[in-house]
Protein backbone atom coordinates (compact mmCIF):
# COMPACT_ATOMS: atom_id res chain seq x y z
CA MET A 1 0.21 0.03 -0.03
CA ASP A 2 1.51 3.31 -0.96
CA GLY A 3 1.77 6.33 1.41
CA GLU A 4 -1.10 8.24 -0.37
CA MET A 5 -3.56 5.28 0.34
CA ARG A 6 -2.36 4.80 3.74
CA SER A 7 -3.08 8.62 4.33
CA LEU A 8 -6.57 8.23 3.02
CA LEU A 9 -7.38 5.34 5.30
CA ALA A 10 -5.90 7.05 8.32
CA THR A 11 -8.02 10.23 7.77
CA PRO A 12 -10.88 10.12 10.20
CA LEU A 13 -14.47 10.59 8.87
CA PRO A 14 -16.22 13.56 10.31
CA THR A 15 -18.58 12.61 13.15
CA PRO A 16 -22.18 13.01 12.02
CA ALA A 17 -24.17 15.78 13.60
CA SER A 18 -26.62 14.42 16.52
CA ARG A 19 -30.33 14.43 15.24
CA TRP A 20 -31.44 13.72 18.79
CA ASN A 21 -34.35 16.07 19.82
CA ALA A 22 -34.66 15.87 23.67
CA THR A 23 -38.05 17.56 23.51
CA GLU A 24 -39.41 14.87 21.00
CA ALA A 25 -37.93 12.07 22.85
CA ALA A 26 -39.40 13.25 26.14
CA GLY A 27 -42.15 11.27 27.70
CA GLN A 28 -41.75 8.21 25.32
CA SER A 29 -41.76 4.67 26.39
CA GLU A 30 -38.66 2.48 26.03
CA ALA A 31 -40.24 0.82 22.80
CA GLN A 32 -41.18 4.21 21.39
CA LEU A 33 -37.51 5.55 22.07
CA LEU A 34 -36.18 2.22 20.26
CA VAL A 35 -38.34 3.35 17.21
CA TYR A 36 -37.24 6.83 17.42
CA ARG A 37 -33.41 6.07 17.63
CA SER A 38 -33.81 3.50 14.87
CA ARG A 39 -35.37 6.30 12.59
CA LEU A 40 -32.68 8.67 13.27
CA LEU A 41 -30.08 6.14 12.44
CA GLY A 42 -31.87 5.10 9.28
CA SER A 43 -32.57 8.76 8.16
CA ASP A 44 -28.82 9.28 7.66
CA LEU A 45 -27.62 7.50 4.74
CA ALA A 46 -24.24 8.30 5.75
CA VAL A 47 -24.70 5.81 8.62
CA THR A 48 -27.06 3.27 7.43
CA ASN A 49 -28.10 2.08 3.96
CA TYR A 50 -31.81 2.32 2.83
CA GLY A 51 -33.35 -0.94 3.88
CA GLY A 52 -30.33 -1.93 6.02
CA GLY A 53 -29.20 -1.83 9.54
CA ASN A 54 -30.09 -3.56 12.69
CA THR A 55 -31.30 -2.13 16.15
CA SER A 56 -32.60 -3.89 19.00
CA ALA A 57 -33.37 -3.32 22.73
CA LYS A 58 -33.92 -5.12 25.87
CA ILE A 59 -37.14 -3.64 27.44
CA THR A 60 -39.22 -4.65 30.55
CA GLU A 61 -42.70 -5.27 29.66
CA THR A 62 -45.91 -6.37 31.38
CA ASP A 63 -46.43 -10.02 30.42
CA PRO A 64 -50.03 -10.35 29.00
CA LEU A 65 -50.26 -13.68 30.53
CA THR A 66 -49.26 -13.37 34.11
CA GLY A 67 -49.41 -9.55 34.62
CA GLY A 68 -46.00 -9.56 35.91
CA SER A 69 -42.64 -8.19 34.37
CA ALA A 70 -40.84 -9.76 31.54
CA GLU A 71 -37.61 -8.86 29.95
CA VAL A 72 -38.25 -8.62 26.00
CA LEU A 73 -35.88 -8.43 23.44
CA TRP A 74 -37.06 -6.13 20.43
CA VAL A 75 -35.05 -6.80 17.15
CA LYS A 76 -35.53 -5.21 13.97
CA GLY A 77 -37.13 -7.48 11.34
CA SER A 78 -35.34 -8.50 8.24
CA GLY A 79 -36.15 -6.17 5.31
CA GLY A 80 -37.57 -3.38 7.13
CA ASP A 81 -36.13 0.22 6.58
CA LEU A 82 -34.74 1.84 9.54
CA GLY A 83 -35.75 5.23 8.27
CA THR A 84 -39.37 4.57 8.16
CA ILE A 85 -39.70 1.68 10.89
CA ASP A 86 -42.50 1.61 13.15
CA ALA A 87 -43.10 -0.76 16.34
CA GLY A 88 -44.67 -3.40 14.09
CA GLY A 89 -41.30 -3.78 12.25
CA PHE A 90 -39.67 -5.15 15.30
CA ALA A 91 -40.02 -8.84 16.48
CA THR A 92 -40.58 -9.01 20.33
CA LEU A 93 -39.23 -12.19 22.08
CA TYR A 94 -39.12 -13.21 25.57
CA LEU A 95 -35.42 -13.08 26.57
CA ASP A 96 -35.48 -15.84 29.13
CA ARG A 97 -36.88 -18.22 26.66
CA LEU A 98 -34.09 -17.13 24.10
CA GLN A 99 -31.58 -17.59 26.62
CA THR A 100 -32.89 -21.27 27.24
CA LEU A 101 -32.18 -21.98 23.46
CA ASP A 102 -28.59 -21.63 24.20
CA ALA A 103 -28.58 -25.12 25.85
CA ARG A 104 -30.36 -26.55 22.86
CA TYR A 105 -27.98 -25.08 20.14
CA PRO A 106 -26.77 -28.15 18.09
CA GLY A 107 -23.87 -26.37 16.49
CA LEU A 108 -23.25 -24.52 13.26
CA GLU A 109 -23.99 -27.58 10.93
CA ARG A 110 -27.75 -27.77 12.36
CA GLU A 111 -28.31 -24.08 13.07
CA ASP A 112 -31.52 -23.99 10.78
CA GLU A 113 -33.14 -26.22 13.25
CA MET A 114 -33.23 -23.43 15.76
CA ALA A 115 -35.28 -21.24 13.51
CA GLY A 116 -38.41 -23.39 14.38
CA LEU A 117 -38.11 -22.77 18.01
CA LEU A 118 -37.99 -19.02 17.83
CA ALA A 119 -41.67 -18.94 17.31
CA HIS A 120 -41.94 -20.29 20.81
CA CYS A 121 -40.12 -17.28 22.36
CA THR A 122 -42.53 -14.73 20.76
CA PHE A 123 -43.89 -12.01 23.12
CA LYS A 124 -47.54 -10.78 22.49
CA LEU A 125 -47.77 -13.17 19.69
CA ASN A 126 -45.43 -10.92 17.43
CA PRO A 127 -43.08 -12.95 15.26
């Protein structure tokens, strides 16, 4: 690699300006804040390609079955655009159920078998 190329690679990119609006974010639930953060990332094509990117959050929710607290993993669904995503663009999964799948993981060669078990982890019937 020549000196000019090394210089180009060593040049830091400018830090994108923050688009966070504290007034707009105030009073939002954790799930709403995840959507807000995701849209901010997705709206800046210098950060995220259209249709690309992933965001997630662990959020304490009220379990609709027990009325108690449940840790829920919200994960951006495949194919959704971060710039326009809404809450329906996220899969919601019971975190404790996901963690139990660790013990069942058969290894890379049989990884596809795990996909069928994910449906058993859905929170509020949201695949």
